[in-house]
Structures are given as structure tokens and as C-alpha cells.
Amino acid sequence: MVHLGLKKLESWVESLQPAYLDPLLQSVKDDLMPALYKQLQSGNNNFAVAAIRILGKLGGRNRRLLRNQTILEGKENGEDGLKVTVQLPKSAGVASVQVALDEAVKTSLTLLEKPSVDVYYKRQVRETLQDGVVVVERQEADRV
């Protein structure tokens, strides 16, 4: 039944004019999109392939379907920003240093945008950014 429903929906999306189909989809889009996404995760490859084809065909229409858009507000990462604690070995034990990733990323991006900066330093900046991403991912994984 699911496969037949997906095939029928796909044929409608292909054959009906957007001026006719979009108002019909508008009334059910809040239920349709999560249902298609659920089919992607179902583990049934036939359903997932059909769902991805439908989503691809609807791709150009998605902006017209968004009538009641959710307004998102940005938030800074607290007062101090995102920090990582780095432990460095020293003669009397270990020294802990906090590195502000927000400032490191801003400085790195500034260096990458300057054409006069040597390629060696740009590679170092890229590696620093990659390491920063790994650290943040590990911290997120530890929280879960």
C-alpha cells in the first residue's frame, strides 16, 4: 500500500501543473514532509528511493509552499563563546589552557581570505579548523 501511494503521489507531482497541485499540497504539507522523511529512514530501499524521487521533484516548489515560515533567532555561545581546554605537558605536570574557538575561527577565516598569506600558513589554518571541528564533535558526543 505504501509503495502504491508513493507511486501515485509521484505521478501527480510529475503530471499536474504547479498552479493546481501547490494549493492541494499546502493543506497537507505539514503531514506529508515528515512522512516522506520517515520513509527515507524506514530501511526499505524501495520506499526510500521513491520518497527521494518525490522530494527531488518537489524541490523547486518548496519555497512557494512555505507560507508560514518559522522565524529563527540566533544566539551567541554564552558570554565567553565556545572554549576548549587543551592540556599541555610541562616539567612539573600538566598545564591546562583554555582556547576560545570563536576567536580562532574568526582569525583563521581572515587569514584564508587574504591572498598575500603564504600557502604554508593557509594549510596550517585549515588543519587547525579541522582539529577544532573534531574537538567540538567529541565534546558533543561526550555530552550525549
Protein backbone atom coordinates (compact mmCIF):
# COMPACT_ATOMS: atom_id res chain seq x y z
CA MET A 1 0.00 0.00 0.00
CA VAL A 2 2.78 2.42 0.87
CA HIS A 3 4.53 1.74 -2.44
CA LEU A 4 1.30 2.36 -4.39
CA GLY A 5 0.70 5.61 -2.50
CA LEU A 6 4.23 6.81 -3.22
CA LYS A 7 3.90 5.93 -6.91
CA LYS A 8 0.57 7.77 -7.15
CA LEU A 9 1.97 10.85 -5.41
CA GLU A 10 4.99 10.80 -7.72
CA SER A 11 2.79 10.64 -10.80
CA TRP A 12 0.72 13.59 -9.52
CA VAL A 13 3.84 15.65 -8.87
CA GLU A 14 5.11 14.86 -12.38
CA SER A 15 1.92 15.44 -14.32
CA LEU A 16 -0.10 18.13 -12.54
CA GLN A 17 0.63 21.81 -13.03
CA PRO A 18 2.17 23.60 -10.03
CA ALA A 19 -0.68 26.13 -10.04
CA TYR A 20 -3.12 23.28 -9.42
CA LEU A 21 -1.02 20.98 -7.23
CA ASP A 22 0.58 23.50 -4.86
CA PRO A 23 -2.67 24.60 -3.17
CA LEU A 24 -3.54 20.93 -2.66
CA LEU A 25 -0.14 20.17 -1.17
CA GLN A 26 -0.28 23.28 1.02
CA SER A 27 -3.08 21.79 3.07
CA VAL A 28 -1.22 18.52 3.75
CA LYS A 29 2.47 19.57 3.66
CA ASP A 30 2.83 19.52 7.44
CA ASP A 31 1.98 15.81 7.41
CA LEU A 32 3.47 14.93 4.02
CA MET A 33 7.07 16.08 4.53
CA PRO A 34 7.65 14.21 7.83
CA ALA A 35 6.01 11.11 6.31
CA LEU A 36 8.35 11.21 3.30
CA TYR A 37 11.31 11.74 5.61
CA LYS A 38 10.18 8.75 7.69
CA GLN A 39 10.21 6.62 4.53
CA LEU A 40 13.85 7.58 4.00
CA GLN A 41 14.64 6.10 7.40
CA SER A 42 12.38 3.05 7.13
CA GLY A 43 15.11 0.69 5.93
CA ASN A 44 13.05 -0.34 2.90
CA ASN A 45 15.10 0.72 -0.10
CA ASN A 46 12.12 0.75 -2.49
CA PHE A 47 10.23 3.20 -0.29
CA ALA A 48 13.33 5.33 0.31
CA VAL A 49 14.10 5.60 -3.41
CA ALA A 50 10.51 6.59 -4.21
CA ALA A 51 10.49 9.15 -1.37
CA ILE A 52 13.77 10.70 -2.53
CA ARG A 53 12.44 10.99 -6.10
CA ILE A 54 9.32 12.75 -4.82
CA LEU A 55 11.34 15.09 -2.63
CA GLY A 56 13.59 15.87 -5.58
CA LYS A 57 10.63 16.70 -7.80
CA LEU A 58 9.13 18.88 -5.10
CA GLY A 59 12.49 20.59 -4.54
CA GLY A 60 11.84 23.60 -6.73
CA ARG A 61 8.39 24.08 -5.27
CA ASN A 62 9.40 24.13 -1.63
CA ARG A 63 9.85 27.90 -1.47
CA ARG A 64 6.34 28.50 -2.76
CA LEU A 65 4.93 26.07 -0.22
CA LEU A 66 6.50 27.90 2.71
CA ARG A 67 3.79 30.33 3.72
CA ASN A 68 4.08 30.35 7.50
CA GLN A 69 7.80 30.42 7.97
CA THR A 70 9.25 29.98 11.40
CA ILE A 71 11.34 32.94 12.46
CA LEU A 72 14.65 31.75 13.87
CA GLU A 73 16.68 33.75 16.30
CA GLY A 74 20.44 33.49 16.51
CA LYS A 75 22.20 33.08 19.83
CA GLU A 76 25.79 33.57 20.75
CA ASN A 77 27.55 30.79 22.65
CA GLY A 78 27.17 32.42 26.04
CA GLU A 79 29.24 35.32 27.29
CA ASP A 80 32.59 33.67 26.74
CA GLY A 81 31.87 31.86 23.50
CA LEU A 82 32.90 28.30 22.72
CA LYS A 83 36.07 27.26 24.54
CA VAL A 84 38.19 24.15 24.51
CA THR A 85 40.55 23.12 27.28
CA VAL A 86 43.92 21.96 25.98
CA GLN A 87 46.32 20.13 28.30
CA LEU A 88 49.98 20.76 27.59
CA PRO A 89 52.80 18.78 29.23
CA LYS A 90 55.34 20.73 31.29
CA SER A 91 58.15 19.83 33.62
CA ALA A 92 56.03 19.94 36.80
CA GLY A 93 52.98 18.14 35.43
CA VAL A 94 50.30 19.28 33.02
CA ALA A 95 49.24 22.82 32.20
CA SER A 96 45.64 23.41 31.17
CA VAL A 97 44.96 26.24 28.75
CA GLN A 98 41.55 27.37 27.52
CA VAL A 99 41.38 28.29 23.84
CA ALA A 100 38.45 30.36 22.56
CA LEU A 101 37.34 28.63 19.35
CA ASP A 102 35.21 31.57 18.25
CA GLU A 103 38.23 33.85 18.03
CA ALA A 104 40.38 31.12 16.48
CA VAL A 105 37.82 30.58 13.72
CA LYS A 106 37.49 34.33 13.03
CA THR A 107 41.25 34.74 12.81
CA SER A 108 41.57 31.65 10.61
CA LEU A 109 38.93 32.85 8.18
CA THR A 110 40.61 36.25 7.98
CA LEU A 111 43.91 34.60 7.08
CA LEU A 112 42.29 32.36 4.48
CA GLU A 113 40.69 35.33 2.73
CA LYS A 114 43.95 37.27 2.36
CA PRO A 115 45.67 36.46 -0.95
CA SER A 116 49.04 37.65 0.37
CA VAL A 117 49.24 34.91 3.05
CA ASP A 118 51.66 32.10 2.20
CA VAL A 119 50.19 28.69 1.28
CA TYR A 120 52.01 27.05 4.20
CA TYR A 121 50.10 29.19 6.71
CA LYS A 122 46.81 28.58 4.91
CA ARG A 123 47.39 24.83 5.26
CA GLN A 124 48.12 25.28 8.95
CA VAL A 125 44.90 27.27 9.34
CA ARG A 126 42.92 24.55 7.55
CA GLU A 127 44.37 21.88 9.84
CA THR A 128 43.56 24.00 12.89
CA LEU A 129 39.96 24.37 11.75
CA GLN A 130 39.67 20.63 11.09
CA ASP A 131 41.08 19.83 14.53
CA GLY A 132 38.63 22.31 16.09
CA VAL A 133 35.71 20.54 14.42
CA VAL A 134 36.93 17.18 15.72
CA VAL A 135 37.22 18.56 19.25
CA VAL A 136 33.71 20.02 19.17
CA GLU A 137 32.29 16.75 17.80
CA ARG A 138 33.98 14.78 20.57
CA GLN A 139 32.64 17.16 23.22
CA GLU A 140 29.13 16.80 21.80
CA ALA A 141 29.48 13.00 21.75
CA ASP A 142 30.63 13.03 25.40
CA ARG A 143 27.56 15.05 26.42
CA VAL A 144 25.18 12.50 24.88
